[in-house]
C-alpha atoms as a PDB file:
ATOM      1  CA  MET A   1     -37.658 -11.142  52.254  1.00  0.00           C
ATOM      2  CA  ASN A   2     -37.374 -10.615  48.485  1.00  0.00           C
ATOM      3  CA  PRO A   3     -34.842 -13.137  47.067  1.00  0.00           C
ATOM      4  CA  ASP A   4     -34.773 -11.492  43.595  1.00  0.00           C
ATOM      5  CA  ILE A   5     -31.278 -10.051  42.985  1.00  0.00           C
ATOM      6  CA  ARG A   6     -32.816  -7.323  40.829  1.00  0.00           C
ATOM      7  CA  HIS A   7     -34.170  -5.731  43.997  1.00  0.00           C
ATOM      8  CA  LEU A   8     -30.831  -5.705  45.822  1.00  0.00           C
ATOM      9  CA  ASP A   9     -28.673  -2.591  45.522  1.00  0.00           C
ATOM     10  CA  PHE A  10     -24.974  -3.505  45.660  1.00  0.00           C
ATOM     11  CA  ASN A  11     -24.363  -0.241  47.520  1.00  0.00           C
ATOM     12  CA  LEU A  12     -26.363  -1.790  50.343  1.00  0.00           C
ATOM     13  CA  LEU A  13     -23.799  -4.579  50.539  1.00  0.00           C
ATOM     14  CA  LYS A  14     -21.028  -1.978  50.917  1.00  0.00           C
ATOM     15  CA  THR A  15     -22.997  -0.479  53.773  1.00  0.00           C
ATOM     16  CA  LEU A  16     -23.512  -3.893  55.393  1.00  0.00           C
ATOM     17  CA  ASP A  17     -19.768  -4.585  55.119  1.00  0.00           C
ATOM     18  CA  ALA A  18     -18.950  -1.250  56.751  1.00  0.00           C
ATOM     19  CA  LEU A  19     -21.474  -1.827  59.556  1.00  0.00           C
ATOM     20  CA  LEU A  20     -20.069  -5.294  60.224  1.00  0.00           C
ATOM     21  CA  ASP A  21     -16.563  -3.848  60.486  1.00  0.00           C
ATOM     22  CA  GLU A  22     -17.381  -0.685  62.437  1.00  0.00           C
ATOM     23  CA  ARG A  23     -20.340  -1.869  64.563  1.00  0.00           C
ATOM     24  CA  SER A  24     -21.541   1.744  64.503  1.00  0.00           C
ATOM     25  CA  VAL A  25     -23.818   3.706  62.168  1.00  0.00           C
ATOM     26  CA  THR A  26     -21.767   6.865  62.804  1.00  0.00           C
ATOM     27  CA  ARG A  27     -18.396   5.308  62.010  1.00  0.00           C
ATOM     28  CA  ALA A  28     -19.826   3.433  59.009  1.00  0.00           C
ATOM     29  CA  ALA A  29     -21.202   6.734  57.660  1.00  0.00           C
ATOM     30  CA  GLU A  30     -17.778   8.371  58.045  1.00  0.00           C
ATOM     31  CA  ARG A  31     -16.078   5.472  56.251  1.00  0.00           C
ATOM     32  CA  LEU A  32     -18.560   5.596  53.378  1.00  0.00           C
ATOM     33  CA  ALA A  33     -18.568   9.420  53.210  1.00  0.00           C
ATOM     34  CA  LEU A  34     -22.332   9.423  53.799  1.00  0.00           C
ATOM     35  CA  THR A  35     -24.592  11.050  56.332  1.00  0.00           C
ATOM     36  CA  GLN A  36     -25.768   9.115  59.403  1.00  0.00           C
ATOM     37  CA  PRO A  37     -29.445   9.278  58.316  1.00  0.00           C
ATOM     38  CA  ALA A  38     -28.480   7.869  54.893  1.00  0.00           C
ATOM     39  CA  VAL A  39     -26.741   4.874  56.483  1.00  0.00           C
ATOM     40  CA  SER A  40     -29.668   4.371  58.870  1.00  0.00           C
ATOM     41  CA  GLY A  41     -31.998   4.316  55.869  1.00  0.00           C
ATOM     42  CA  MET A  42     -29.802   1.744  54.140  1.00  0.00           C
ATOM     43  CA  LEU A  43     -29.798  -0.425  57.262  1.00  0.00           C
ATOM     44  CA  THR A  44     -33.595  -0.372  57.176  1.00  0.00           C
ATOM     45  CA  ARG A  45     -33.570  -1.542  53.565  1.00  0.00           C
ATOM     46  CA  LEU A  46     -31.023  -4.251  54.396  1.00  0.00           C
ATOM     47  CA  ARG A  47     -33.264  -5.548  57.184  1.00  0.00           C
ATOM     48  CA  GLU A  48     -36.141  -5.718  54.712  1.00  0.00           C
ATOM     49  CA  SER A  49     -34.031  -7.467  52.062  1.00  0.00           C
ATOM     50  CA  PHE A  50     -32.728 -10.160  54.432  1.00  0.00           C
ATOM     51  CA  ASP A  51     -35.805 -10.315  56.680  1.00  0.00           C
ATOM     52  CA  ASP A  52     -33.583 -10.019  59.730  1.00  0.00           C
ATOM     53  CA  PRO A  53     -32.659  -7.221  62.196  1.00  0.00           C
ATOM     54  CA  LEU A  54     -28.993  -7.812  61.306  1.00  0.00           C
ATOM     55  CA  PHE A  55     -27.869  -5.609  64.224  1.00  0.00           C
ATOM     56  CA  VAL A  56     -29.253  -5.162  67.717  1.00  0.00           C
ATOM     57  CA  ARG A  57     -28.298  -2.598  70.330  1.00  0.00           C
ATOM     58  CA  ALA A  58     -26.042  -3.552  73.206  1.00  0.00           C
ATOM     59  CA  GLN A  59     -24.084  -1.724  75.899  1.00  0.00           C
ATOM     60  CA  ARG A  60     -21.049  -1.299  73.641  1.00  0.00           C
ATOM     61  CA  GLY A  61     -22.877  -0.375  70.453  1.00  0.00           C
ATOM     62  CA  MET A  62     -24.375  -2.565  67.752  1.00  0.00           C
ATOM     63  CA  VAL A  63     -24.069  -6.342  67.833  1.00  0.00           C
ATOM     64  CA  PRO A  64     -24.585  -8.383  64.648  1.00  0.00           C
ATOM     65  CA  THR A  65     -27.176 -11.102  64.662  1.00  0.00           C
ATOM     66  CA  LEU A  66     -26.267 -14.658  63.685  1.00  0.00           C
ATOM     67  CA  ARG A  67     -27.650 -13.957  60.209  1.00  0.00           C
ATOM     68  CA  ALA A  68     -25.386 -10.903  59.869  1.00  0.00           C
ATOM     69  CA  GLU A  69     -22.352 -12.917  60.977  1.00  0.00           C
ATOM     70  CA  GLN A  70     -23.180 -15.563  58.361  1.00  0.00           C
ATOM     71  CA  LEU A  71     -23.299 -12.849  55.698  1.00  0.00           C
ATOM     72  CA  ALA A  72     -19.998 -11.188  56.702  1.00  0.00           C
ATOM     73  CA  GLY A  73     -17.616 -13.502  54.815  1.00  0.00           C
ATOM     74  CA  PRO A  74     -19.634 -13.894  51.576  1.00  0.00           C
ATOM     75  CA  VAL A  75     -20.356 -10.136  51.401  1.00  0.00           C
ATOM     76  CA  LYS A  76     -16.686  -9.187  51.785  1.00  0.00           C
ATOM     77  CA  GLN A  77     -15.677 -11.762  49.154  1.00  0.00           C
ATOM     78  CA  LEU A  78     -18.362 -10.564  46.744  1.00  0.00           C
ATOM     79  CA  LEU A  79     -17.296  -6.928  47.114  1.00  0.00           C
ATOM     80  CA  SER A  80     -13.676  -7.936  46.577  1.00  0.00           C
ATOM     81  CA  GLU A  81     -14.582  -9.808  43.377  1.00  0.00           C
ATOM     82  CA  ILE A  82     -16.611  -6.860  42.090  1.00  0.00           C
ATOM     83  CA  GLN A  83     -13.685  -4.538  42.800  1.00  0.00           C
ATOM     84  CA  HIS A  84     -11.407  -6.933  40.923  1.00  0.00           C
ATOM     85  CA  LEU A  85     -13.736  -6.868  37.924  1.00  0.00           C
ATOM     86  CA  LEU A  86     -13.521  -3.075  37.823  1.00  0.00           C
ATOM     87  CA  GLN A  87      -9.719  -3.008  37.958  1.00  0.00           C
ATOM     88  CA  PRO A  88      -7.759  -2.887  34.693  1.00  0.00           C
ATOM     89  CA  GLN A  89      -6.503  -6.325  33.754  1.00  0.00           C
ATOM     90  CA  ALA A  90      -2.811  -6.868  34.285  1.00  0.00           C
ATOM     91  CA  PHE A  91      -1.084  -8.428  31.290  1.00  0.00           C
ATOM     92  CA  ASP A  92       2.218 -10.256  31.523  1.00  0.00           C
ATOM     93  CA  PRO A  93       3.504 -11.355  28.086  1.00  0.00           C
ATOM     94  CA  LEU A  94       5.868 -13.926  29.612  1.00  0.00           C
ATOM     95  CA  THR A  95       3.010 -15.866  31.234  1.00  0.00           C
ATOM     96  CA  ALA A  96       0.121 -15.026  28.856  1.00  0.00           C
ATOM     97  CA  THR A  97      -1.521 -18.041  27.202  1.00  0.00           C
ATOM     98  CA  MET A  98      -3.969 -16.326  24.835  1.00  0.00           C
ATOM     99  CA  THR A  99      -4.599 -17.343  21.208  1.00  0.00           C
ATOM    100  CA  VAL A 100      -4.587 -14.684  18.468  1.00  0.00           C
ATOM    101  CA  SER A 101      -6.354 -15.353  15.168  1.00  0.00           C
ATOM    102  CA  LEU A 102      -4.844 -13.471  12.246  1.00  0.00           C
ATOM    103  CA  ALA A 103      -6.074 -13.168   8.659  1.00  0.00           C
ATOM    104  CA  SER A 104      -3.277 -12.637   6.160  1.00  0.00           C
ATOM    105  CA  THR A 105      -2.707 -12.458   2.440  1.00  0.00           C
ATOM    106  CA  ASP A 106       0.024 -14.594   0.921  1.00  0.00           C
ATOM    107  CA  TYR A 107       2.272 -11.533   0.657  1.00  0.00           C
ATOM    108  CA  ALA A 108       1.682 -10.437   4.272  1.00  0.00           C
ATOM    109  CA  LEU A 109       2.320 -13.963   5.509  1.00  0.00           C
ATOM    110  CA  ARG A 110       5.954 -13.703   4.392  1.00  0.00           C
ATOM    111  CA  ALA A 111       6.532  -9.959   4.764  1.00  0.00           C
ATOM    112  CA  VAL A 112       4.701  -9.383   8.065  1.00  0.00           C
ATOM    113  CA  VAL A 113       3.698 -12.571   9.862  1.00  0.00           C
ATOM    114  CA  VAL A 114       7.099 -14.317   9.775  1.00  0.00           C
ATOM    115  CA  PRO A 115       9.055 -11.480  11.470  1.00  0.00           C
ATOM    116  CA  PHE A 116       6.108 -10.808  13.782  1.00  0.00           C
ATOM    117  CA  LEU A 117       6.131 -14.416  14.987  1.00  0.00           C
ATOM    118  CA  GLN A 118       9.856 -14.226  15.631  1.00  0.00           C
ATOM    119  CA  ALA A 119       9.359 -11.201  17.881  1.00  0.00           C
ATOM    120  CA  LEU A 120       6.335 -12.758  19.561  1.00  0.00           C
ATOM    121  CA  ARG A 121       8.145 -16.016  20.371  1.00  0.00           C
ATOM    122  CA  THR A 122      10.896 -14.064  22.114  1.00  0.00           C
ATOM    123  CA  GLN A 123       8.642 -11.834  24.205  1.00  0.00           C
ATOM    124  CA  ALA A 124       5.565 -14.038  24.762  1.00  0.00           C
ATOM    125  CA  PRO A 125       6.479 -17.704  24.212  1.00  0.00           C
ATOM    126  CA  ASN A 126       3.083 -19.075  25.307  1.00  0.00           C
ATOM    127  CA  ILE A 127       0.909 -16.985  22.984  1.00  0.00           C
ATOM    128  CA  ARG A 128      -0.469 -19.037  20.083  1.00  0.00           C
ATOM    129  CA  VAL A 129      -1.202 -17.575  16.638  1.00  0.00           C
ATOM    130  CA  ALA A 130      -3.696 -19.059  14.184  1.00  0.00           C
ATOM    131  CA  VAL A 131      -3.184 -17.750  10.631  1.00  0.00           C
ATOM    132  CA  GLN A 132      -5.797 -18.060   7.914  1.00  0.00           C
ATOM    133  CA  PRO A 133      -6.362 -16.467   4.480  1.00  0.00           C
ATOM    134  CA  VAL A 134      -8.134 -13.140   4.172  1.00  0.00           C
ATOM    135  CA  ASP A 135     -11.731 -13.650   3.038  1.00  0.00           C
ATOM    136  CA  GLY A 136     -12.875 -10.179   1.984  1.00  0.00           C
ATOM    137  CA  GLN A 137     -16.526 -11.178   1.590  1.00  0.00           C
ATOM    138  CA  HIS A 138     -16.827 -12.573   5.111  1.00  0.00           C
ATOM    139  CA  LEU A 139     -14.184 -10.537   6.967  1.00  0.00           C
ATOM    140  CA  VAL A 140     -16.630  -8.386   8.954  1.00  0.00           C
ATOM    141  CA  ALA A 141     -18.685 -11.402  10.035  1.00  0.00           C
ATOM    142  CA  GLN A 142     -15.511 -13.244  11.070  1.00  0.00           C
ATOM    143  CA  LEU A 143     -14.397 -10.284  13.174  1.00  0.00           C
ATOM    144  CA  ASP A 144     -17.883  -9.914  14.674  1.00  0.00           C
ATOM    145  CA  ARG A 145     -17.947 -13.580  15.714  1.00  0.00           C
ATOM    146  CA  GLY A 146     -14.412 -13.520  17.053  1.00  0.00           C
ATOM    147  CA  ASP A 147     -13.143 -15.972  14.436  1.00  0.00           C
ATOM    148  CA  ILE A 148     -10.491 -13.379  13.573  1.00  0.00           C
ATOM    149  CA  ASP A 149      -8.774 -10.889  15.866  1.00  0.00           C
ATOM    150  CA  LEU A 150      -6.474  -9.122  13.383  1.00  0.00           C
ATOM    151  CA  ALA A 151      -6.655  -8.716   9.613  1.00  0.00           C
ATOM    152  CA  LEU A 152      -3.698  -7.654   7.471  1.00  0.00           C
ATOM    153  CA  VAL A 153      -5.322  -5.740   4.631  1.00  0.00           C
ATOM    154  CA  THR A 154      -4.929  -2.685   2.396  1.00  0.00           C
ATOM    155  CA  PRO A 155      -6.838   0.569   3.087  1.00  0.00           C
ATOM    156  CA  GLU A 156      -9.270  -0.142   0.252  1.00  0.00           C
ATOM    157  CA  GLY A 157      -9.768  -3.659   1.619  1.00  0.00           C
ATOM    158  CA  THR A 158     -10.569  -2.451   5.140  1.00  0.00           C
ATOM    159  CA  PRO A 159     -14.331  -2.638   5.827  1.00  0.00           C
ATOM    160  CA  PRO A 160     -15.914   0.436   7.453  1.00  0.00           C
ATOM    161  CA  GLY A 161     -16.585   0.398  11.186  1.00  0.00           C
ATOM    162  CA  LEU A 162     -13.329  -1.297  12.167  1.00  0.00           C
ATOM    163  CA  HIS A 163     -10.328   0.053  14.004  1.00  0.00           C
ATOM    164  CA  ASP A 164      -7.241   0.136  11.824  1.00  0.00           C
ATOM    165  CA  ALA A 165      -3.679   1.411  11.692  1.00  0.00           C
ATOM    166  CA  THR A 166      -1.066   1.806   8.977  1.00  0.00           C
ATOM    167  CA  LEU A 167       1.784  -0.692   9.199  1.00  0.00           C
ATOM    168  CA  PHE A 168       3.914   0.545   6.292  1.00  0.00           C
ATOM    169  CA  ASP A 169       3.985   1.759   2.708  1.00  0.00           C
ATOM    170  CA  GLU A 170       5.316  -0.747   0.194  1.00  0.00           C
ATOM    171  CA  ARG A 171       6.943  -0.233  -3.212  1.00  0.00           C
ATOM    172  CA  TYR A 172       7.870  -2.599  -6.039  1.00  0.00           C
ATOM    173  CA  VAL A 173      11.330  -3.709  -7.165  1.00  0.00           C
ATOM    174  CA  CYS A 174      12.634  -6.003  -9.862  1.00  0.00           C
ATOM    175  CA  VAL A 175      14.351  -9.271  -8.844  1.00  0.00           C
ATOM    176  CA  MET A 176      16.310 -11.995 -10.595  1.00  0.00           C
ATOM    177  CA  ARG A 177      18.846 -14.655  -9.668  1.00  0.00           C
ATOM    178  CA  ALA A 178      22.367 -13.475  -8.822  1.00  0.00           C
ATOM    179  CA  GLU A 179      23.834 -15.322 -11.843  1.00  0.00           C
ATOM    180  CA  HIS A 180      21.309 -13.852 -14.266  1.00  0.00           C
ATOM    181  CA  PRO A 181      22.996 -12.353 -17.379  1.00  0.00           C
ATOM    182  CA  ASP A 182      21.341  -8.983 -16.667  1.00  0.00           C
ATOM    183  CA  ALA A 183      22.077  -8.934 -12.921  1.00  0.00           C
ATOM    184  CA  GLN A 184      25.533  -7.366 -13.142  1.00  0.00           C
ATOM    185  CA  GLY A 185      24.684  -4.121 -14.893  1.00  0.00           C
ATOM    186  CA  GLY A 186      23.094  -2.473 -11.866  1.00  0.00           C
ATOM    187  CA  ALA A 187      20.107  -1.263 -13.877  1.00  0.00           C
ATOM    188  CA  LEU A 188      17.688  -2.397 -16.564  1.00  0.00           C
ATOM    189  CA  SER A 189      16.651  -0.279 -19.502  1.00  0.00           C
ATOM    190  CA  LEU A 190      12.965  -0.173 -20.300  1.00  0.00           C
ATOM    191  CA  GLU A 191      13.651  -1.943 -23.589  1.00  0.00           C
ATOM    192  CA  ARG A 192      15.551  -4.776 -21.904  1.00  0.00           C
ATOM    193  CA  PHE A 193      12.979  -5.032 -19.113  1.00  0.00           C
ATOM    194  CA  CYS A 194      10.208  -5.561 -21.655  1.00  0.00           C
ATOM    195  CA  ALA A 195      12.260  -8.065 -23.661  1.00  0.00           C
ATOM    196  CA  LEU A 196      12.952 -10.431 -20.746  1.00  0.00           C
ATOM    197  CA  ASP A 197      10.599 -13.228 -19.688  1.00  0.00           C
ATOM    198  CA  HIS A 198       8.622 -12.440 -16.530  1.00  0.00           C
ATOM    199  CA  VAL A 199       6.827 -14.407 -13.851  1.00  0.00           C
ATOM    200  CA  LEU A 200       3.802 -12.798 -12.184  1.00  0.00           C
ATOM    201  CA  VAL A 201       2.010 -13.610  -8.930  1.00  0.00           C
ATOM    202  CA  SER A 202      -1.768 -13.657  -9.347  1.00  0.00           C
ATOM    203  CA  SER A 203      -3.637 -14.172  -6.077  1.00  0.00           C
ATOM    204  CA  SER A 204      -6.804 -15.084  -7.959  1.00  0.00           C
ATOM    205  CA  GLY A 205      -4.875 -17.448 -10.239  1.00  0.00           C
ATOM    206  CA  GLY A 206      -4.334 -17.442 -13.990  1.00  0.00           C
ATOM    207  CA  ALA A 207      -3.877 -13.698 -14.570  1.00  0.00           C
ATOM    208  CA  PHE A 208      -0.985 -12.550 -16.767  1.00  0.00           C
ATOM    209  CA  GLU A 209      -1.353  -8.823 -16.127  1.00  0.00           C
ATOM    210  CA  GLY A 210      -0.964  -6.667 -13.023  1.00  0.00           C
ATOM    211  CA  VAL A 211       0.017  -3.184 -11.834  1.00  0.00           C
ATOM    212  CA  THR A 212       3.298  -3.379 -13.760  1.00  0.00           C
ATOM    213  CA  ASP A 213       1.472  -3.991 -17.021  1.00  0.00           C
ATOM    214  CA  GLN A 214      -0.888  -1.105 -16.308  1.00  0.00           C
ATOM    215  CA  ALA A 215       2.097   1.197 -15.765  1.00  0.00           C
ATOM    216  CA  LEU A 216       3.733  -0.010 -18.985  1.00  0.00           C
ATOM    217  CA  ALA A 217       0.523   0.480 -20.963  1.00  0.00           C
ATOM    218  CA  LYS A 218       0.474   4.160 -19.979  1.00  0.00           C
ATOM    219  CA  VAL A 219       3.768   4.682 -21.821  1.00  0.00           C
ATOM    220  CA  GLY A 220       2.819   2.445 -24.736  1.00  0.00           C
ATOM    221  CA  GLN A 221       4.924  -0.543 -23.689  1.00  0.00           C
ATOM    222  CA  SER A 222       4.276  -4.167 -22.705  1.00  0.00           C
ATOM    223  CA  ARG A 223       6.281  -7.058 -21.252  1.00  0.00           C
ATOM    224  CA  ARG A 224       6.343 -10.836 -21.733  1.00  0.00           C
ATOM    225  CA  VAL A 225       4.750 -12.666 -18.797  1.00  0.00           C
ATOM    226  CA  ILE A 226       5.211 -16.373 -19.482  1.00  0.00           C
ATOM    227  CA  LEU A 227       4.386 -17.750 -16.027  1.00  0.00           C
ATOM    228  CA  SER A 228       1.589 -16.964 -13.565  1.00  0.00           C
ATOM    229  CA  VAL A 229       1.632 -18.432 -10.023  1.00  0.00           C
ATOM    230  CA  THR A 230      -0.685 -17.955  -7.079  1.00  0.00           C
ATOM    231  CA  SER A 231       1.898 -17.679  -4.302  1.00  0.00           C
ATOM    232  CA  PHE A 232       4.843 -15.450  -3.489  1.00  0.00           C
ATOM    233  CA  LEU A 233       6.302 -18.275  -1.420  1.00  0.00           C
ATOM    234  CA  VAL A 234       7.325 -20.339  -4.465  1.00  0.00           C
ATOM    235  CA  LEU A 235       8.676 -17.353  -6.396  1.00  0.00           C
ATOM    236  CA  PRO A 236      12.306 -17.316  -5.074  1.00  0.00           C
ATOM    237  CA  GLU A 237      12.830 -20.952  -6.089  1.00  0.00           C
ATOM    238  CA  ILE A 238      11.449 -20.288  -9.573  1.00  0.00           C
ATOM    239  CA  LEU A 239      13.709 -17.270 -10.053  1.00  0.00           C
ATOM    240  CA  CYS A 240      16.811 -19.000  -8.677  1.00  0.00           C
ATOM    241  CA  THR A 241      16.446 -21.865 -11.150  1.00  0.00           C
ATOM    242  CA  SER A 242      15.631 -19.867 -14.290  1.00  0.00           C
ATOM    243  CA  ASP A 243      16.358 -16.653 -16.190  1.00  0.00           C
ATOM    244  CA  LEU A 244      12.894 -15.307 -15.414  1.00  0.00           C
ATOM    245  CA  ILE A 245      12.575 -11.964 -13.642  1.00  0.00           C
ATOM    246  CA  ALA A 246       9.755 -10.641 -11.471  1.00  0.00           C
ATOM    247  CA  VAL A 247       8.430  -7.396 -10.078  1.00  0.00           C
ATOM    248  CA  VAL A 248       7.650  -7.929  -6.404  1.00  0.00           C
ATOM    249  CA  PRO A 249       7.072  -5.919  -3.211  1.00  0.00           C
ATOM    250  CA  ARG A 250      10.402  -4.741  -1.782  1.00  0.00           C
ATOM    251  CA  ARG A 251       9.935  -6.402   1.626  1.00  0.00           C
ATOM    252  CA  LEU A 252       9.653  -9.801  -0.014  1.00  0.00           C
ATOM    253  CA  ALA A 253      12.752  -9.221  -2.095  1.00  0.00           C
ATOM    254  CA  LEU A 254      14.806  -8.267   0.965  1.00  0.00           C
ATOM    255  CA  GLN A 255      13.988 -11.576   2.633  1.00  0.00           C
ATOM    256  CA  ALA A 256      14.890 -13.783  -0.360  1.00  0.00           C
ATOM    257  CA  ASP A 257      18.384 -15.293  -0.599  1.00  0.00           C
ATOM    258  CA  GLY A 258      20.238 -15.580  -3.881  1.00  0.00           C
ATOM    259  CA  LEU A 259      18.352 -12.800  -5.655  1.00  0.00           C
ATOM    260  CA  VAL A 260      19.543  -9.446  -6.980  1.00  0.00           C
ATOM    261  CA  ILE A 261      17.327  -6.399  -6.492  1.00  0.00           C
ATOM    262  CA  LEU A 262      17.125  -3.719  -9.200  1.00  0.00           C
ATOM    263  CA  GLU A 263      14.931  -0.678  -9.534  1.00  0.00           C
ATOM    264  CA  PRO A 264      12.238  -1.039 -12.218  1.00  0.00           C
ATOM    265  CA  PRO A 265      12.836   1.166 -15.275  1.00  0.00           C
ATOM    266  CA  ILE A 266       9.329   2.579 -14.878  1.00  0.00           C
ATOM    267  CA  GLU A 267       7.396   3.984 -11.943  1.00  0.00           C
ATOM    268  CA  ILE A 268       5.008   1.379 -10.541  1.00  0.00           C
ATOM    269  CA  PRO A 269       2.431   2.460  -7.917  1.00  0.00           C
ATOM    270  CA  GLY A 270       2.973   0.764  -4.561  1.00  0.00           C
ATOM    271  CA  PHE A 271       0.463   0.039  -1.812  1.00  0.00           C
ATOM    272  CA  THR A 272      -0.125   0.511   1.902  1.00  0.00           C
ATOM    273  CA  LYS A 273      -0.526  -2.346   4.366  1.00  0.00           C
ATOM    274  CA  HIS A 274      -2.971  -1.915   7.251  1.00  0.00           C
ATOM    275  CA  VAL A 275      -3.943  -3.953  10.280  1.00  0.00           C
ATOM    276  CA  ALA A 276      -7.654  -3.932  11.195  1.00  0.00           C
ATOM    277  CA  TRP A 277      -9.405  -5.133  14.333  1.00  0.00           C
ATOM    278  CA  HIS A 278     -12.826  -5.155  15.966  1.00  0.00           C
ATOM    279  CA  GLU A 279     -14.157  -3.001  18.780  1.00  0.00           C
ATOM    280  CA  ARG A 280     -14.508  -6.109  20.970  1.00  0.00           C
ATOM    281  CA  THR A 281     -10.707  -6.411  21.306  1.00  0.00           C
ATOM    282  CA  HIS A 282      -9.891  -2.704  21.075  1.00  0.00           C
ATOM    283  CA  ARG A 283      -9.376  -2.144  24.818  1.00  0.00           C
ATOM    284  CA  ASP A 284      -8.220  -5.605  25.838  1.00  0.00           C
ATOM    285  CA  PRO A 285      -4.700  -5.296  27.358  1.00  0.00           C
ATOM    286  CA  GLY A 286      -3.463  -8.525  25.764  1.00  0.00           C
ATOM    287  CA  HIS A 287      -4.654  -7.654  22.285  1.00  0.00           C
ATOM    288  CA  ARG A 288      -3.357  -4.101  22.620  1.00  0.00           C
ATOM    289  CA  TRP A 289       0.060  -5.498  23.498  1.00  0.00           C
ATOM    290  CA  VAL A 290       0.013  -7.916  20.540  1.00  0.00           C
ATOM    291  CA  ARG A 291      -0.933  -5.097  18.145  1.00  0.00           C
ATOM    292  CA  GLY A 292       1.924  -3.042  19.563  1.00  0.00           C
ATOM    293  CA  VAL A 293       4.426  -5.830  18.870  1.00  0.00           C
ATOM    294  CA  LEU A 294       3.081  -6.169  15.324  1.00  0.00           C
ATOM    295  CA  MET A 295       3.458  -2.454  14.633  1.00  0.00           C
ATOM    296  CA  GLU A 296       6.914  -2.266  16.217  1.00  0.00           C
ATOM    297  CA  THR A 297       8.064  -5.220  14.123  1.00  0.00           C
ATOM    298  CA  CYS A 298       6.916  -3.563  10.911  1.00  0.00           C
ATOM    299  CA  GLU A 299       8.576  -0.275  11.851  1.00  0.00           C
ATOM    300  CA  ALA A 300      11.867  -2.040  12.617  1.00  0.00           C
ATOM    301  CA  LEU A 301      11.907  -3.609   9.145  1.00  0.00           C
ATOM    302  CA  ASP A 302      11.115  -0.369   7.336  1.00  0.00           C
END
C-alpha cells in the first residue's frame, strides 16, 4: 500500500463509490459512463492503493470486504465535499457576515461612501466596511495583500493590472451660504467671482491654487483664495458661517444643507471617479454583489 496522497487518483474514489453502491462492475461502468474493462482496471489500482481485495465474488455478485465497508462512508463524504467545492458559492446578502475594506479619498468618503453605506445597511445589515485613506504609493501592495478590497480612485490614479469600472463623471459648481449677498442673483459674473474671497480644499495641505485657478489663468484672470483646508467635510460649516465661496464637486454641493449652488462663470474641467479591485476578489460572489450595490448607488445619485 502506498499511503502518499499524490499517488491516489480521485477518479478512483468515484469508481470505488460506484462499486460500493452497485456491487457490480457492469452497473458501475454504466453509471460512470465508462467501459467494463476500464472499471476493472480501476478496481485493480484501488486494490493496490489500499492493499486489500475490496470486493470478493459471491453467488449474488460482488461483496465488499470489511476494509471496503470501512471506506464507504468516508469516501462518499469526501466526494460530496469535493463536489461542494466545485459548486458556485451561494451568496445571501441578508445573512452575509463578510468585511469589505475600502480605500477612499476625502471627497469620495462624502460623495460615494456615505450613500453606499446607507444602501448596504438596508440590503446586507451584517456586512462590515472598513474605510481608510487612499495611499497611491502603496495601493497595489495593499490590494495584493488583501488589506484593501476596493479603491475609489480617478482613472489616472488607477494602477495598471487592476480591474476597474467607471462610477460617474463629476463637474464643479460654485457654492455659498443661502444668505450670502451674491446668492440671490442666480449667477455670478467672472468679475464678481474673482473679486470674492474663496476657500479651497487642498488634499496635500497648504495649497492656494487648483483646477479653478488654472482655468482662470488661461483667460488671464485670477481669484482671491484666502483659506486653504485639507478636508471637504469641514467646508459646509465654513461657508455657512462666512461670506466665503468655494468651487466644489457637484455631488458634494447637493448633499450640503444651507448652501446655494451656482454655475461657475468659467468652464472648469471635471473628473471621473473609478472603483478598482484586484483579481483575487474579481469572481467572488460576495464581492461582486458589493461592487454591484456600489455602482447602482452611484447611478441612482447621478
